[in-house]
């Protein structure tokens, strides 16, 4: 390889390396304030979500599932949902329609809510 080509390639490699280093280090400084902003926005979104009343969607579909399961003799799962606490009802299960549906069936089948 001629000396001119080797010099050109080494300079080009060095310039790419410097651009990469400056981009990575400069990006960290620009993102420093964004982390706190993102955390604040996430907390606000979580609070807004928790303040809304739970809407399980089509309650008739949940009731139809419960009636169908009772007719077929299906025994509900006895495993309580994650995060279940004392004094909870099925309306406290805001994150999953399936957990809500299973809770309604468990309550109808046993006449009580999950133990804690």
PDB file of N, CA and C in Angstrom:
ATOM      1  N   UNK A   1       0.852  -1.171   0.000  1.00  0.00           N
ATOM      2  CA  UNK A   1       0.000   0.000   0.000  1.00  0.00           C
ATOM      3  C   UNK A   1       0.898   1.234   0.000  1.00  0.00           C
ATOM      4  N   UNK A   2       0.593   2.162  -0.891  1.00  0.00           N
ATOM      5  CA  UNK A   2       1.406   3.383  -0.935  1.00  0.00           C
ATOM      6  C   UNK A   2       1.238   4.194   0.343  1.00  0.00           C
ATOM      7  N   UNK A   3       2.253   4.972   0.635  1.00  0.00           N
ATOM      8  CA  UNK A   3       2.259   5.759   1.862  1.00  0.00           C
ATOM      9  C   UNK A   3       1.127   6.787   1.881  1.00  0.00           C
ATOM     10  N   UNK A   4       0.799   7.388   0.762  1.00  0.00           N
ATOM     11  CA  UNK A   4      -0.264   8.391   0.701  1.00  0.00           C
ATOM     12  C   UNK A   4      -1.623   7.776   1.082  1.00  0.00           C
ATOM     13  N   UNK A   5      -1.888   6.554   0.586  1.00  0.00           N
ATOM     14  CA  UNK A   5      -3.155   5.890   0.878  1.00  0.00           C
ATOM     15  C   UNK A   5      -3.239   5.543   2.364  1.00  0.00           C
ATOM     16  N   UNK A   6      -2.131   5.041   2.920  1.00  0.00           N
ATOM     17  CA  UNK A   6      -2.110   4.693   4.340  1.00  0.00           C
ATOM     18  C   UNK A   6      -2.322   5.933   5.201  1.00  0.00           C
ATOM     19  N   UNK A   7      -1.700   7.029   4.851  1.00  0.00           N
ATOM     20  CA  UNK A   7      -1.862   8.273   5.602  1.00  0.00           C
ATOM     21  C   UNK A   7      -3.302   8.765   5.508  1.00  0.00           C
ATOM     22  N   UNK A   8      -3.867   8.704   4.303  1.00  0.00           N
ATOM     23  CA  UNK A   8      -5.260   9.130   4.116  1.00  0.00           C
ATOM     24  C   UNK A   8      -6.222   8.286   4.950  1.00  0.00           C
ATOM     25  N   UNK A   9      -6.032   6.961   4.915  1.00  0.00           N
ATOM     26  CA  UNK A   9      -6.916   6.074   5.672  1.00  0.00           C
ATOM     27  C   UNK A   9      -6.771   6.284   7.170  1.00  0.00           C
ATOM     28  N   UNK A  10      -5.545   6.480   7.637  1.00  0.00           N
ATOM     29  CA  UNK A  10      -5.352   6.668   9.078  1.00  0.00           C
ATOM     30  C   UNK A  10      -5.984   7.988   9.539  1.00  0.00           C
ATOM     31  N   UNK A  11      -5.866   9.038   8.714  1.00  0.00           N
ATOM     32  CA  UNK A  11      -6.476  10.321   9.068  1.00  0.00           C
ATOM     33  C   UNK A  11      -8.004  10.209   9.036  1.00  0.00           C
ATOM     34  N   UNK A  12      -8.500   9.495   8.031  1.00  0.00           N
ATOM     35  CA  UNK A  12      -9.951   9.324   7.919  1.00  0.00           C
ATOM     36  C   UNK A  12     -10.486   8.520   9.106  1.00  0.00           C
ATOM     37  N   UNK A  13      -9.786   7.471   9.486  1.00  0.00           N
ATOM     38  CA  UNK A  13     -10.194   6.655  10.633  1.00  0.00           C
ATOM     39  C   UNK A  13     -10.182   7.490  11.901  1.00  0.00           C
ATOM     40  N   UNK A  14      -9.134   8.286  12.060  1.00  0.00           N
ATOM     41  CA  UNK A  14      -9.024   9.126  13.246  1.00  0.00           C
ATOM     42  C   UNK A  14     -10.156  10.156  13.297  1.00  0.00           C
ATOM     43  N   UNK A  15     -10.496  10.734  12.161  1.00  0.00           N
ATOM     44  CA  UNK A  15     -11.567  11.729  12.158  1.00  0.00           C
ATOM     45  C   UNK A  15     -12.911  11.078  12.495  1.00  0.00           C
ATOM     46  N   UNK A  16     -13.164   9.866  11.978  1.00  0.00           N
ATOM     47  CA  UNK A  16     -14.402   9.160  12.316  1.00  0.00           C
ATOM     48  C   UNK A  16     -14.456   8.826  13.803  1.00  0.00           C
ATOM     49  N   UNK A  17     -13.330   8.422  14.357  1.00  0.00           N
ATOM     50  CA  UNK A  17     -13.261   8.096  15.775  1.00  0.00           C
ATOM     51  C   UNK A  17     -13.546   9.334  16.624  1.00  0.00           C
ATOM     52  N   UNK A  18     -12.967  10.459  16.255  1.00  0.00           N
ATOM     53  CA  UNK A  18     -13.194  11.695  17.013  1.00  0.00           C
ATOM     54  C   UNK A  18     -14.664  12.134  16.935  1.00  0.00           C
ATOM     55  N   UNK A  19     -15.257  12.013  15.765  1.00  0.00           N
ATOM     56  CA  UNK A  19     -16.678  12.365  15.628  1.00  0.00           C
ATOM     57  C   UNK A  19     -17.532  11.459  16.515  1.00  0.00           C
ATOM     58  N   UNK A  20     -17.216  10.167  16.532  1.00  0.00           N
ATOM     59  CA  UNK A  20     -17.963   9.227  17.366  1.00  0.00           C
ATOM     60  C   UNK A  20     -17.835   9.576  18.848  1.00  0.00           C
ATOM     61  N   UNK A  21     -16.630   9.860  19.292  1.00  0.00           N
ATOM     62  CA  UNK A  21     -16.394  10.199  20.698  1.00  0.00           C
ATOM     63  C   UNK A  21     -17.135  11.482  21.070  1.00  0.00           C
ATOM     64  N   UNK A  22     -17.072  12.484  20.230  1.00  0.00           N
ATOM     65  CA  UNK A  22     -17.751  13.744  20.532  1.00  0.00           C
ATOM     66  C   UNK A  22     -19.265  13.583  20.525  1.00  0.00           C
ATOM     67  N   UNK A  23     -19.765  12.764  19.642  1.00  0.00           N
ATOM     68  CA  UNK A  23     -21.211  12.536  19.593  1.00  0.00           C
ATOM     69  C   UNK A  23     -21.693  11.840  20.847  1.00  0.00           C
ATOM     70  N   UNK A  24     -20.994  10.801  21.264  1.00  0.00           N
ATOM     71  CA  UNK A  24     -21.408  10.045  22.441  1.00  0.00           C
ATOM     72  C   UNK A  24     -21.277  10.888  23.703  1.00  0.00           C
ATOM     73  N   UNK A  25     -20.164  11.578  23.868  1.00  0.00           N
ATOM     74  CA  UNK A  25     -19.975  12.367  25.091  1.00  0.00           C
ATOM     75  C   UNK A  25     -20.884  13.590  25.106  1.00  0.00           C
ATOM     76  N   UNK A  26     -21.084  14.230  23.987  1.00  0.00           N
ATOM     77  CA  UNK A  26     -21.961  15.396  23.920  1.00  0.00           C
ATOM     78  C   UNK A  26     -23.416  15.026  24.115  1.00  0.00           C
ATOM     79  N   UNK A  27     -23.815  13.857  23.646  1.00  0.00           N
ATOM     80  CA  UNK A  27     -25.182  13.401  23.799  1.00  0.00           C
ATOM     81  C   UNK A  27     -25.541  13.165  25.248  1.00  0.00           C
ATOM     82  N   UNK A  28     -24.592  12.703  26.043  1.00  0.00           N
ATOM     83  CA  UNK A  28     -24.843  12.460  27.460  1.00  0.00           C
ATOM     84  C   UNK A  28     -25.150  13.745  28.208  1.00  0.00           C
ATOM     85  N   UNK A  29     -24.508  14.817  27.810  1.00  0.00           N
ATOM     86  CA  UNK A  29     -24.749  16.102  28.450  1.00  0.00           C
ATOM     87  C   UNK A  29     -26.128  16.625  28.069  1.00  0.00           C
ATOM     88  N   UNK A  30     -26.503  16.457  26.817  1.00  0.00           N
ATOM     89  CA  UNK A  30     -27.809  16.939  26.363  1.00  0.00           C
ATOM     90  C   UNK A  30     -28.948  16.157  27.015  1.00  0.00           C
ATOM     91  N   UNK A  31     -28.728  14.887  27.328  1.00  0.00           N
ATOM     92  CA  UNK A  31     -29.778  14.046  27.893  1.00  0.00           C
ATOM     93  C   UNK A  31     -29.875  14.142  29.405  1.00  0.00           C
ATOM     94  N   UNK A  32     -28.955  14.830  30.048  1.00  0.00           N
ATOM     95  CA  UNK A  32     -28.944  14.859  31.509  1.00  0.00           C
ATOM     96  C   UNK A  32     -30.243  15.429  32.060  1.00  0.00           C
ATOM     97  N   UNK A  33     -30.775  16.473  31.498  1.00  0.00           N
ATOM     98  CA  UNK A  33     -32.005  17.073  31.986  1.00  0.00           C
ATOM     99  C   UNK A  33     -33.251  16.317  31.560  1.00  0.00           C
ATOM    100  N   UNK A  34     -33.134  15.553  30.474  1.00  0.00           N
ATOM    101  CA  UNK A  34     -34.290  14.833  29.969  1.00  0.00           C
ATOM    102  C   UNK A  34     -34.734  13.711  30.898  1.00  0.00           C
ATOM    103  N   UNK A  35     -33.810  13.113  31.621  1.00  0.00           N
ATOM    104  CA  UNK A  35     -34.167  11.993  32.493  1.00  0.00           C
ATOM    105  C   UNK A  35     -35.162  12.439  33.564  1.00  0.00           C
ATOM    106  N   UNK A  36     -34.885  13.565  34.191  1.00  0.00           N
ATOM    107  CA  UNK A  36     -35.790  14.073  35.216  1.00  0.00           C
ATOM    108  C   UNK A  36     -37.131  14.466  34.602  1.00  0.00           C
ATOM    109  N   UNK A  37     -37.093  15.065  33.402  1.00  0.00           N
ATOM    110  CA  UNK A  37     -38.334  15.438  32.730  1.00  0.00           C
ATOM    111  C   UNK A  37     -39.173  14.204  32.409  1.00  0.00           C
ATOM    112  N   UNK A  38     -38.533  13.156  31.928  1.00  0.00           N
ATOM    113  CA  UNK A  38     -39.248  11.924  31.595  1.00  0.00           C
ATOM    114  C   UNK A  38     -39.852  11.289  32.846  1.00  0.00           C
ATOM    115  N   UNK A  39     -39.107  11.292  33.953  1.00  0.00           N
ATOM    116  CA  UNK A  39     -39.629  10.735  35.203  1.00  0.00           C
ATOM    117  C   UNK A  39     -40.841  11.538  35.689  1.00  0.00           C
ATOM    118  N   UNK A  40     -40.769  12.857  35.579  1.00  0.00           N
ATOM    119  CA  UNK A  40     -41.892  13.700  36.006  1.00  0.00           C
ATOM    120  C   UNK A  40     -43.116  13.456  35.122  1.00  0.00           C
ATOM    121  N   UNK A  41     -42.898  13.323  33.816  1.00  0.00           N
ATOM    122  CA  UNK A  41     -44.023  13.053  32.915  1.00  0.00           C
ATOM    123  C   UNK A  41     -44.634  11.682  33.197  1.00  0.00           C
ATOM    124  N   UNK A  42     -43.776  10.692  33.495  1.00  0.00           N
ATOM    125  CA  UNK A  42     -44.286   9.349  33.789  1.00  0.00           C
ATOM    126  C   UNK A  42     -45.111   9.356  35.073  1.00  0.00           C
ATOM    127  N   UNK A  43     -44.642  10.065  36.104  1.00  0.00           N
ATOM    128  CA  UNK A  43     -45.406  10.161  37.355  1.00  0.00           C
ATOM    129  C   UNK A  43     -46.752  10.834  37.128  1.00  0.00           C
ATOM    130  N   UNK A  44     -46.762  11.900  36.317  1.00  0.00           N
ATOM    131  CA  UNK A  44     -48.015  12.599  36.031  1.00  0.00           C
ATOM    132  C   UNK A  44     -48.976  11.692  35.264  1.00  0.00           C
ATOM    133  N   UNK A  45     -48.444  10.922  34.313  1.00  0.00           N
ATOM    134  CA  UNK A  45     -49.289  10.004  33.555  1.00  0.00           C
ATOM    135  C   UNK A  45     -49.832   8.894  34.447  1.00  0.00           C
ATOM    136  N   UNK A  46     -49.004   8.374  35.329  1.00  0.00           N
ATOM    137  CA  UNK A  46     -49.465   7.340  36.263  1.00  0.00           C
ATOM    138  C   UNK A  46     -50.581   7.872  37.166  1.00  0.00           C
ATOM    139  N   UNK A  47     -50.405   9.087  37.668  1.00  0.00           N
ATOM    140  CA  UNK A  47     -51.417   9.685  38.540  1.00  0.00           C
ATOM    141  C   UNK A  47     -52.719   9.896  37.780  1.00  0.00           C
ATOM    142  N   UNK A  48     -52.610  10.372  36.542  1.00  0.00           N
ATOM    143  CA  UNK A  48     -53.801  10.600  35.727  1.00  0.00           C
ATOM    144  C   UNK A  48     -54.540   9.294  35.462  1.00  0.00           C
ATOM    145  N   UNK A  49     -53.797   8.228  35.219  1.00  0.00           N
ATOM    146  CA  UNK A  49     -54.397   6.922  34.966  1.00  0.00           C
ATOM    147  C   UNK A  49     -55.096   6.397  36.213  1.00  0.00           C
ATOM    148  N   UNK A  50     -54.478   6.553  37.368  1.00  0.00           N
ATOM    149  CA  UNK A  50     -55.056   6.038  38.609  1.00  0.00           C
ATOM    150  C   UNK A  50     -56.285   6.831  39.040  1.00  0.00           C
ATOM    151  N   UNK A  51     -56.398   8.086  38.627  1.00  0.00           N
ATOM    152  CA  UNK A  51     -57.543   8.902  39.014  1.00  0.00           C
ATOM    153  C   UNK A  51     -58.794   8.562  38.209  1.00  0.00           C
ATOM    154  N   UNK A  52     -58.622   8.012  37.020  1.00  0.00           N
ATOM    155  CA  UNK A  52     -59.784   7.660  36.195  1.00  0.00           C
ATOM    156  C   UNK A  52     -60.467   6.427  36.760  1.00  0.00           C
ATOM    157  N   UNK A  53     -61.777   6.382  36.691  1.00  0.00           N
ATOM    158  CA  UNK A  53     -62.470   5.184  37.158  1.00  0.00           C
ATOM    159  C   UNK A  53     -62.198   4.016  36.219  1.00  0.00           C
ATOM    160  N   UNK A  54     -62.226   2.830  36.779  1.00  0.00           N
ATOM    161  CA  UNK A  54     -61.968   1.633  35.987  1.00  0.00           C
ATOM    162  C   UNK A  54     -63.142   1.343  35.068  1.00  0.00           C
ATOM    163  N   UNK A  55     -62.841   1.070  33.824  1.00  0.00           N
ATOM    164  CA  UNK A  55     -63.876   0.719  32.860  1.00  0.00           C
ATOM    165  C   UNK A  55     -63.537  -0.647  32.281  1.00  0.00           C
ATOM    166  N   UNK A  56     -64.227  -1.687  32.719  1.00  0.00           N
ATOM    167  CA  UNK A  56     -63.902  -3.021  32.204  1.00  0.00           C
ATOM    168  C   UNK A  56     -64.381  -3.261  30.788  1.00  0.00           C
ATOM    169  N   UNK A  57     -64.972  -2.279  30.183  1.00  0.00           N
ATOM    170  CA  UNK A  57     -65.453  -2.456  28.822  1.00  0.00           C
ATOM    171  C   UNK A  57     -66.865  -2.993  28.821  1.00  0.00           C
ATOM    172  N   UNK A  58     -67.090  -4.062  28.127  1.00  0.00           N
ATOM    173  CA  UNK A  58     -68.416  -4.644  27.987  1.00  0.00           C
ATOM    174  C   UNK A  58     -68.713  -5.538  29.187  1.00  0.00           C
ATOM    175  N   UNK A  59     -69.443  -5.006  30.164  1.00  0.00           N
ATOM    176  CA  UNK A  59     -69.770  -5.785  31.367  1.00  0.00           C
ATOM    177  C   UNK A  59     -70.658  -6.972  31.029  1.00  0.00           C
ATOM    178  N   UNK A  60     -71.438  -6.851  29.976  1.00  0.00           N
ATOM    179  CA  UNK A  60     -72.287  -7.972  29.561  1.00  0.00           C
ATOM    180  C   UNK A  60     -71.424  -9.153  29.121  1.00  0.00           C
ATOM    181  N   UNK A  61     -70.292  -8.879  28.480  1.00  0.00           N
ATOM    182  CA  UNK A  61     -69.393  -9.963  28.061  1.00  0.00           C
ATOM    183  C   UNK A  61     -68.776 -10.645  29.280  1.00  0.00           C
ATOM    184  N   UNK A  62     -68.432  -9.864  30.293  1.00  0.00           N
ATOM    185  CA  UNK A  62     -67.875 -10.447  31.523  1.00  0.00           C
ATOM    186  C   UNK A  62     -68.935 -11.294  32.216  1.00  0.00           C
ATOM    187  N   UNK A  63     -70.153 -10.780  32.306  1.00  0.00           N
ATOM    188  CA  UNK A  63     -71.236 -11.548  32.932  1.00  0.00           C
ATOM    189  C   UNK A  63     -71.542 -12.821  32.142  1.00  0.00           C
ATOM    190  N   UNK A  64     -71.480 -12.744  30.812  1.00  0.00           N
ATOM    191  CA  UNK A  64     -71.719 -13.929  29.976  1.00  0.00           C
ATOM    192  C   UNK A  64     -70.630 -14.975  30.223  1.00  0.00           C
ATOM    193  N   UNK A  65     -69.375 -14.517  30.384  1.00  0.00           N
ATOM    194  CA  UNK A  65     -68.279 -15.447  30.683  1.00  0.00           C
ATOM    195  C   UNK A  65     -68.522 -16.139  32.026  1.00  0.00           C
ATOM    196  N   UNK A  66     -68.925 -15.366  33.021  1.00  0.00           N
ATOM    197  CA  UNK A  66     -69.176 -15.921  34.356  1.00  0.00           C
ATOM    198  C   UNK A  66     -70.294 -16.960  34.292  1.00  0.00           C
ATOM    199  N   UNK A  67     -71.390 -16.624  33.634  1.00  0.00           N
ATOM    200  CA  UNK A  67     -72.517 -17.565  33.534  1.00  0.00           C
ATOM    201  C   UNK A  67     -72.129 -18.828  32.766  1.00  0.00           C
ATOM    202  N   UNK A  68     -71.413 -18.663  31.683  1.00  0.00           N
ATOM    203  CA  UNK A  68     -70.990 -19.815  30.874  1.00  0.00           C
ATOM    204  C   UNK A  68     -70.059 -20.725  31.685  1.00  0.00           C
ATOM    205  N   UNK A  69     -69.139 -20.139  32.423  1.00  0.00           N
ATOM    206  CA  UNK A  69     -68.214 -20.926  33.238  1.00  0.00           C
ATOM    207  C   UNK A  69     -68.947 -21.661  34.348  1.00  0.00           C
ATOM    208  N   UNK A  70     -69.936 -21.005  34.959  1.00  0.00           N
ATOM    209  CA  UNK A  70     -70.723 -21.670  35.996  1.00  0.00           C
ATOM    210  C   UNK A  70     -71.509 -22.852  35.415  1.00  0.00           C
ATOM    211  N   UNK A  71     -72.089 -22.660  34.234  1.00  0.00           N
ATOM    212  CA  UNK A  71     -72.839 -23.740  33.588  1.00  0.00           C
ATOM    213  C   UNK A  71     -71.952 -24.929  33.239  1.00  0.00           C
ATOM    214  N   UNK A  72     -70.717 -24.636  32.837  1.00  0.00           N
ATOM    215  CA  UNK A  72     -69.800 -25.706  32.448  1.00  0.00           C
ATOM    216  C   UNK A  72     -69.069 -26.323  33.630  1.00  0.00           C
ATOM    217  N   UNK A  73     -69.247 -25.779  34.819  1.00  0.00           N
ATOM    218  CA  UNK A  73     -68.615 -26.337  36.009  1.00  0.00           C
ATOM    219  C   UNK A  73     -67.122 -26.075  36.101  1.00  0.00           C
ATOM    220  N   UNK A  74     -66.669 -25.011  35.489  1.00  0.00           N
ATOM    221  CA  UNK A  74     -65.249 -24.658  35.522  1.00  0.00           C
ATOM    222  C   UNK A  74     -64.911 -24.105  36.901  1.00  0.00           C
ATOM    223  N   UNK A  75     -63.871 -24.653  37.519  1.00  0.00           N
ATOM    224  CA  UNK A  75     -63.422 -24.167  38.828  1.00  0.00           C
ATOM    225  C   UNK A  75     -62.477 -22.988  38.587  1.00  0.00           C
ATOM    226  N   UNK A  76     -62.725 -21.845  39.222  1.00  0.00           N
ATOM    227  CA  UNK A  76     -61.846 -20.688  38.996  1.00  0.00           C
ATOM    228  C   UNK A  76     -60.457 -20.918  39.577  1.00  0.00           C
ATOM    229  N   UNK A  77     -59.504 -20.229  38.980  1.00  0.00           N
ATOM    230  CA  UNK A  77     -58.134 -20.309  39.505  1.00  0.00           C
ATOM    231  C   UNK A  77     -58.112 -19.702  40.899  1.00  0.00           C
ATOM    232  N   UNK A  78     -57.399 -20.352  41.803  1.00  0.00           N
ATOM    233  CA  UNK A  78     -57.375 -19.843  43.179  1.00  0.00           C
ATOM    234  C   UNK A  78     -56.163 -18.950  43.426  1.00  0.00           C
ATOM    235  N   UNK A  79     -55.439 -18.621  42.397  1.00  0.00           N
ATOM    236  CA  UNK A  79     -54.282 -17.742  42.547  1.00  0.00           C
ATOM    237  C   UNK A  79     -54.737 -16.293  42.444  1.00  0.00           C
ATOM    238  N   UNK A  80     -54.486 -15.533  43.475  1.00  0.00           N
ATOM    239  CA  UNK A  80     -54.918 -14.137  43.460  1.00  0.00           C
ATOM    240  C   UNK A  80     -54.011 -13.325  42.529  1.00  0.00           C
ATOM    241  N   UNK A  81     -54.526 -12.238  41.993  1.00  0.00           N
ATOM    242  CA  UNK A  81     -53.743 -11.398  41.083  1.00  0.00           C
ATOM    243  C   UNK A  81     -52.571 -10.739  41.795  1.00  0.00           C
ATOM    244  N   UNK A  82     -51.566 -10.422  41.040  1.00  0.00           N
ATOM    245  CA  UNK A  82     -50.390  -9.751  41.594  1.00  0.00           C
ATOM    246  C   UNK A  82     -50.800  -8.369  42.110  1.00  0.00           C
ATOM    247  N   UNK A  83     -50.352  -8.016  43.277  1.00  0.00           N
ATOM    248  CA  UNK A  83     -50.672  -6.731  43.868  1.00  0.00           C
ATOM    249  C   UNK A  83     -51.977  -6.704  44.641  1.00  0.00           C
ATOM    250  N   UNK A  84     -52.603  -7.847  44.819  1.00  0.00           N
ATOM    251  CA  UNK A  84     -53.870  -7.921  45.547  1.00  0.00           C
ATOM    252  C   UNK A  84     -53.625  -7.558  47.003  1.00  0.00           C
ATOM    253  N   UNK A  85     -54.479  -6.732  47.578  1.00  0.00           N
ATOM    254  CA  UNK A  85     -54.272  -6.302  48.951  1.00  0.00           C
ATOM    255  C   UNK A  85     -55.519  -6.408  49.792  1.00  0.00           C
ATOM    256  N   UNK A  86     -55.394  -6.214  51.088  1.00  0.00           N
ATOM    257  CA  UNK A  86     -56.547  -6.278  51.994  1.00  0.00           C
ATOM    258  C   UNK A  86     -57.605  -5.247  51.612  1.00  0.00           C
ATOM    259  N   UNK A  87     -58.844  -5.665  51.613  1.00  0.00           N
ATOM    260  CA  UNK A  87     -59.944  -4.772  51.302  1.00  0.00           C
ATOM    261  C   UNK A  87     -60.177  -4.541  49.813  1.00  0.00           C
ATOM    262  N   UNK A  88     -59.428  -5.194  48.964  1.00  0.00           N
ATOM    263  CA  UNK A  88     -59.600  -5.006  47.525  1.00  0.00           C
ATOM    264  C   UNK A  88     -60.868  -5.700  47.038  1.00  0.00           C
ATOM    265  N   UNK A  89     -61.421  -5.153  45.982  1.00  0.00           N
ATOM    266  CA  UNK A  89     -62.519  -5.787  45.253  1.00  0.00           C
ATOM    267  C   UNK A  89     -62.070  -5.924  43.803  1.00  0.00           C
ATOM    268  N   UNK A  90     -62.923  -6.473  42.988  1.00  0.00           N
ATOM    269  CA  UNK A  90     -62.562  -6.640  41.579  1.00  0.00           C
ATOM    270  C   UNK A  90     -62.336  -5.301  40.884  1.00  0.00           C
ATOM    271  N   UNK A  91     -62.961  -4.243  41.371  1.00  0.00           N
ATOM    272  CA  UNK A  91     -62.781  -2.923  40.766  1.00  0.00           C
ATOM    273  C   UNK A  91     -61.380  -2.371  40.984  1.00  0.00           C
ATOM    274  N   UNK A  92     -60.611  -2.935  41.899  1.00  0.00           N
ATOM    275  CA  UNK A  92     -59.243  -2.494  42.113  1.00  0.00           C
ATOM    276  C   UNK A  92     -58.284  -3.040  41.058  1.00  0.00           C
ATOM    277  N   UNK A  93     -58.733  -3.968  40.253  1.00  0.00           N
ATOM    278  CA  UNK A  93     -57.883  -4.552  39.209  1.00  0.00           C
ATOM    279  C   UNK A  93     -58.024  -3.706  37.949  1.00  0.00           C
ATOM    280  N   UNK A  94     -57.275  -2.622  37.881  1.00  0.00           N
ATOM    281  CA  UNK A  94     -57.413  -1.653  36.801  1.00  0.00           C
ATOM    282  C   UNK A  94     -56.575  -1.984  35.578  1.00  0.00           C
ATOM    283  N   UNK A  95     -55.683  -2.936  35.672  1.00  0.00           N
ATOM    284  CA  UNK A  95     -54.709  -3.106  34.608  1.00  0.00           C
ATOM    285  C   UNK A  95     -55.026  -4.220  33.635  1.00  0.00           C
ATOM    286  N   UNK A  96     -55.935  -5.105  33.972  1.00  0.00           N
ATOM    287  CA  UNK A  96     -56.162  -6.252  33.106  1.00  0.00           C
ATOM    288  C   UNK A  96     -57.624  -6.654  33.113  1.00  0.00           C
ATOM    289  N   UNK A  97     -58.199  -6.703  31.947  1.00  0.00           N
ATOM    290  CA  UNK A  97     -59.574  -7.151  31.818  1.00  0.00           C
ATOM    291  C   UNK A  97     -59.691  -8.611  32.233  1.00  0.00           C
ATOM    292  N   UNK A  98     -58.669  -9.407  31.919  1.00  0.00           N
ATOM    293  CA  UNK A  98     -58.701 -10.829  32.272  1.00  0.00           C
ATOM    294  C   UNK A  98     -58.659 -11.038  33.780  1.00  0.00           C
ATOM    295  N   UNK A  99     -57.854 -10.246  34.485  1.00  0.00           N
ATOM    296  CA  UNK A  99     -57.832 -10.340  35.940  1.00  0.00           C
ATOM    297  C   UNK A  99     -59.172  -9.922  36.524  1.00  0.00           C
ATOM    298  N   UNK A 100     -59.759  -8.882  35.975  1.00  0.00           N
ATOM    299  CA  UNK A 100     -61.072  -8.420  36.424  1.00  0.00           C
ATOM    300  C   UNK A 100     -62.111  -9.516  36.207  1.00  0.00           C
ATOM    301  N   UNK A 101     -62.108 -10.091  35.007  1.00  0.00           N
ATOM    302  CA  UNK A 101     -63.063 -11.144  34.676  1.00  0.00           C
ATOM    303  C   UNK A 101     -62.891 -12.350  35.596  1.00  0.00           C
ATOM    304  N   UNK A 102     -61.640 -12.773  35.815  1.00  0.00           N
ATOM    305  CA  UNK A 102     -61.374 -13.916  36.695  1.00  0.00           C
ATOM    306  C   UNK A 102     -61.774 -13.616  38.134  1.00  0.00           C
ATOM    307  N   UNK A 103     -61.579 -12.374  38.563  1.00  0.00           N
ATOM    308  CA  UNK A 103     -61.968 -11.987  39.915  1.00  0.00           C
ATOM    309  C   UNK A 103     -63.481 -12.046  40.077  1.00  0.00           C
ATOM    310  N   UNK A 104     -64.198 -11.541  39.082  1.00  0.00           N
ATOM    311  CA  UNK A 104     -65.660 -11.592  39.144  1.00  0.00           C
ATOM    312  C   UNK A 104     -66.149 -13.038  39.209  1.00  0.00           C
ATOM    313  N   UNK A 105     -65.510 -13.918  38.458  1.00  0.00           N
ATOM    314  CA  UNK A 105     -65.913 -15.326  38.461  1.00  0.00           C
ATOM    315  C   UNK A 105     -65.574 -15.975  39.800  1.00  0.00           C
ATOM    316  N   UNK A 106     -64.387 -15.682  40.339  1.00  0.00           N
ATOM    317  CA  UNK A 106     -63.977 -16.226  41.634  1.00  0.00           C
ATOM    318  C   UNK A 106     -64.975 -15.788  42.707  1.00  0.00           C
ATOM    319  N   UNK A 107     -65.337 -14.500  42.696  1.00  0.00           N
ATOM    320  CA  UNK A 107     -66.262 -13.970  43.689  1.00  0.00           C
ATOM    321  C   UNK A 107     -67.641 -14.616  43.559  1.00  0.00           C
ATOM    322  N   UNK A 108     -68.087 -14.810  42.350  1.00  0.00           N
ATOM    323  CA  UNK A 108     -69.398 -15.429  42.134  1.00  0.00           C
ATOM    324  C   UNK A 108     -69.382 -16.902  42.541  1.00  0.00           C
ATOM    325  N   UNK A 109     -68.278 -17.593  42.255  1.00  0.00           N
ATOM    326  CA  UNK A 109     -68.184 -19.026  42.527  1.00  0.00           C
ATOM    327  C   UNK A 109     -68.078 -19.303  44.025  1.00  0.00           C
ATOM    328  N   UNK A 110     -67.174 -18.568  44.715  1.00  0.00           N
ATOM    329  CA  UNK A 110     -66.926 -18.819  46.136  1.00  0.00           C
ATOM    330  C   UNK A 110     -67.714 -17.903  47.076  1.00  0.00           C
ATOM    331  N   UNK A 111     -68.235 -16.801  46.560  1.00  0.00           N
ATOM    332  CA  UNK A 111     -68.972 -15.863  47.410  1.00  0.00           C
ATOM    333  C   UNK A 111     -68.084 -14.982  48.251  1.00  0.00           C
ATOM    334  N   UNK A 112     -66.831 -14.908  47.915  1.00  0.00           N
ATOM    335  CA  UNK A 112     -65.869 -14.054  48.629  1.00  0.00           C
ATOM    336  C   UNK A 112     -64.776 -13.638  47.660  1.00  0.00           C
ATOM    337  N   UNK A 113     -63.979 -12.665  48.090  1.00  0.00           N
ATOM    338  CA  UNK A 113     -62.846 -12.234  47.274  1.00  0.00           C
ATOM    339  C   UNK A 113     -61.616 -13.053  47.643  1.00  0.00           C
ATOM    340  N   UNK A 114     -60.546 -12.842  46.902  1.00  0.00           N
ATOM    341  CA  UNK A 114     -59.311 -13.578  47.148  1.00  0.00           C
ATOM    342  C   UNK A 114     -58.805 -13.328  48.568  1.00  0.00           C
ATOM    343  N   UNK A 115     -58.218 -14.348  49.188  1.00  0.00           N
ATOM    344  CA  UNK A 115     -57.590 -14.094  50.495  1.00  0.00           C
ATOM    345  C   UNK A 115     -56.281 -13.311  50.291  1.00  0.00           C
ATOM    346  N   UNK A 116     -55.797 -12.700  51.351  1.00  0.00           N
ATOM    347  CA  UNK A 116     -54.536 -11.969  51.259  1.00  0.00           C
ATOM    348  C   UNK A 116     -53.542 -12.501  52.236  1.00  0.00           C
TER     349      UNK A 116
END
